[in-house]
Amino acid sequence: MSETRSPREVFHALLDGITAGRFAELDAFYAEDAVVERVFETEPRWVEGRAALRERFLALGEHTPLELAARNVVVRATDDPEVVVGEWDYRVRHRDTGRELTVANLQVMRVRDGLIVHSRDVHDHLALAHLLGTLPQLVAQREAALDAR
């Protein structure tokens, strides 16, 4: 019988999976009805359900030219035993261009019974778009999202 992972252990396992590029396995860290809120993403800001997360992770894994290495990882406990706050930097390298940069990240994660039920993710999407050469598209998406409000 396996032991249920703590929120801290789930955070580290997820981060390890991302940095190792195991995108096809990442949805297994989430509950069936999990909600991921991507605070500074343009659209969609919310991803609901393990199936939708799986689609997103598979798409990222197939198309990303980025290599990620986690640095300066700090995980803080909170007054709520289900919630941890992770802070870290990604050292990001573009495989095709060789360009590199460091991107700050923050994640507030609620884990119940060893699965993520809610996550609030804060990443520097502008820096990533700059590295990918997609900054104009990101700005256009953001403008459209703001105009729709």
Protein backbone atom coordinates (compact mmCIF):
# COMPACT_ATOMS: atom_id res chain seq x y z
CA MET A 1 0.00 0.00 0.00
CA SER A 2 1.46 3.34 -1.02
CA GLU A 3 1.47 6.34 1.25
CA THR A 4 -0.39 9.50 0.21
CA ARG A 5 1.97 12.33 -0.74
CA SER A 6 1.98 15.49 1.33
CA PRO A 7 1.30 18.83 -0.40
CA ARG A 8 5.03 19.59 -0.27
CA GLU A 9 5.87 16.22 -1.86
CA VAL A 10 3.24 16.75 -4.58
CA PHE A 11 4.68 20.18 -5.38
CA HIS A 12 8.20 18.78 -5.73
CA ALA A 13 7.05 15.79 -7.79
CA LEU A 14 5.10 18.06 -10.17
CA LEU A 15 8.07 20.41 -10.55
CA ASP A 16 10.37 17.45 -11.19
CA GLY A 17 7.99 16.14 -13.86
CA ILE A 18 7.83 19.51 -15.59
CA THR A 19 11.57 20.06 -15.62
CA ALA A 20 12.17 16.49 -16.86
CA GLY A 21 9.72 17.10 -19.71
CA ARG A 22 7.36 14.30 -18.63
CA PHE A 23 4.29 16.26 -19.76
CA ALA A 24 2.25 13.11 -20.53
CA GLU A 25 2.38 12.19 -16.83
CA LEU A 26 1.55 15.54 -15.22
CA ASP A 27 -2.24 15.21 -15.19
CA ALA A 28 -1.87 12.33 -12.71
CA PHE A 29 -1.01 14.86 -10.01
CA TYR A 30 -4.46 16.48 -10.28
CA ALA A 31 -7.90 15.51 -9.00
CA GLU A 32 -10.60 14.78 -11.61
CA ASP A 33 -12.28 18.12 -10.87
CA ALA A 34 -9.12 20.17 -10.27
CA VAL A 35 -9.05 23.86 -11.14
CA VAL A 36 -5.89 25.63 -12.23
CA GLU A 37 -6.01 29.39 -12.26
CA ARG A 38 -3.27 30.97 -14.35
CA VAL A 39 -3.21 34.48 -12.98
CA PHE A 40 -1.39 36.37 -15.74
CA GLU A 41 -2.30 34.13 -18.68
CA THR A 42 -4.46 35.77 -21.31
CA GLU A 43 -7.02 33.11 -22.20
CA PRO A 44 -8.17 30.78 -20.89
CA ARG A 45 -7.23 31.86 -17.38
CA TRP A 46 -8.94 28.85 -15.82
CA VAL A 47 -8.40 25.24 -16.73
CA GLU A 48 -10.92 22.89 -15.16
CA GLY A 49 -10.68 19.14 -14.86
CA ARG A 50 -7.96 16.55 -15.26
CA ALA A 51 -8.92 15.86 -18.89
CA ALA A 52 -8.48 19.52 -19.90
CA LEU A 53 -5.19 19.66 -18.03
CA ARG A 54 -4.00 16.53 -19.81
CA GLU A 55 -4.76 18.12 -23.20
CA ARG A 56 -2.88 21.26 -22.22
CA PHE A 57 0.14 19.37 -20.90
CA LEU A 58 0.30 17.15 -24.00
CA ALA A 59 0.14 20.20 -26.28
CA LEU A 60 2.91 21.90 -24.31
CA GLY A 61 5.07 18.81 -24.41
CA GLU A 62 4.68 18.40 -28.17
CA HIS A 63 5.37 22.00 -29.10
CA THR A 64 7.72 23.55 -26.58
CA PRO A 65 11.27 24.25 -27.69
CA LEU A 66 12.11 25.23 -24.12
CA GLU A 67 14.25 23.41 -21.59
CA LEU A 68 13.48 24.26 -17.97
CA ALA A 69 15.70 23.92 -14.92
CA ALA A 70 14.25 24.81 -11.51
CA ARG A 71 16.44 26.94 -9.26
CA ASN A 72 16.02 28.64 -5.87
CA VAL A 73 13.03 26.44 -4.97
CA VAL A 74 11.33 27.34 -1.69
CA VAL A 75 8.13 25.67 -0.48
CA ARG A 76 6.31 27.24 2.41
CA ALA A 77 3.68 25.63 4.59
CA THR A 78 0.60 27.65 5.52
CA ASP A 79 -1.89 27.60 8.39
CA ASP A 80 -4.01 25.31 6.21
CA PRO A 81 -2.38 21.83 6.07
CA GLU A 82 -3.70 21.30 2.51
CA VAL A 83 -2.03 24.43 1.12
CA VAL A 84 1.59 25.11 0.22
CA VAL A 85 3.18 28.04 -1.55
CA GLY A 86 6.03 27.30 -3.92
CA GLU A 87 8.44 29.92 -5.20
CA TRP A 88 11.15 29.20 -7.73
CA ASP A 89 13.00 30.40 -10.76
CA TYR A 90 13.18 28.56 -14.05
CA ARG A 91 16.41 28.84 -15.94
CA VAL A 92 14.93 28.61 -19.43
CA ARG A 93 16.88 27.70 -22.55
CA HIS A 94 15.47 27.81 -26.08
CA ARG A 95 16.69 24.64 -27.85
CA ASP A 96 16.74 26.22 -31.31
CA THR A 97 18.26 29.61 -30.60
CA GLY A 98 20.32 28.81 -27.51
CA ARG A 99 18.94 31.96 -25.84
CA GLU A 100 18.50 31.73 -22.07
CA LEU A 101 16.81 33.69 -19.34
CA THR A 102 15.55 33.31 -15.80
CA VAL A 103 11.81 33.40 -15.11
CA ALA A 104 10.25 33.86 -11.66
CA ASN A 105 7.30 31.66 -10.61
CA LEU A 106 4.86 31.37 -7.73
CA GLN A 107 2.28 28.67 -7.13
CA VAL A 108 -0.32 28.37 -4.40
CA MET A 109 -1.45 24.77 -4.36
CA ARG A 110 -4.23 22.99 -2.45
CA VAL A 111 -3.64 19.24 -2.20
CA ARG A 112 -6.22 16.83 -0.85
CA ASP A 113 -5.61 13.08 -0.57
CA GLY A 114 -2.35 13.45 -2.49
CA LEU A 115 -3.92 15.22 -5.51
CA ILE A 116 -4.00 18.88 -6.50
CA VAL A 117 -7.55 20.19 -6.26
CA HIS A 118 -6.75 23.84 -6.88
CA SER A 119 -3.70 25.72 -8.03
CA ARG A 120 -3.11 29.41 -8.54
CA ASP A 121 -0.10 29.80 -10.83
CA VAL A 122 1.88 32.97 -11.42
CA HIS A 123 4.52 32.85 -14.15
CA ASP A 124 6.32 35.55 -16.14
CA HIS A 125 4.54 34.97 -19.45
CA LEU A 126 6.02 38.14 -20.96
CA ALA A 127 9.55 36.85 -20.48
CA LEU A 128 8.62 33.46 -21.95
CA ALA A 129 6.89 35.08 -24.93
CA HIS A 130 9.97 37.24 -25.50
CA LEU A 131 12.19 34.16 -25.52
CA LEU A 132 9.81 32.30 -27.85
CA GLY A 133 9.42 35.27 -30.19
CA THR A 134 5.65 35.36 -29.59
CA LEU A 135 5.42 38.64 -27.69
CA PRO A 136 3.30 40.41 -30.37
CA GLN A 137 0.75 37.57 -30.32
CA LEU A 138 0.63 37.63 -26.51
CA VAL A 139 0.02 41.39 -26.50
CA ALA A 140 -2.75 41.01 -29.11
CA GLN A 141 -4.41 38.24 -27.06
CA ARG A 142 -4.24 40.36 -23.93
CA GLU A 143 -5.70 43.38 -25.70
CA ALA A 144 -8.56 41.27 -27.06
CA ALA A 145 -9.24 39.82 -23.62
CA LEU A 146 -9.31 43.30 -22.06
CA ASP A 147 -11.56 44.66 -24.79
CA ALA A 148 -14.01 41.80 -24.20
CA ARG A 149 -14.48 42.83 -20.57
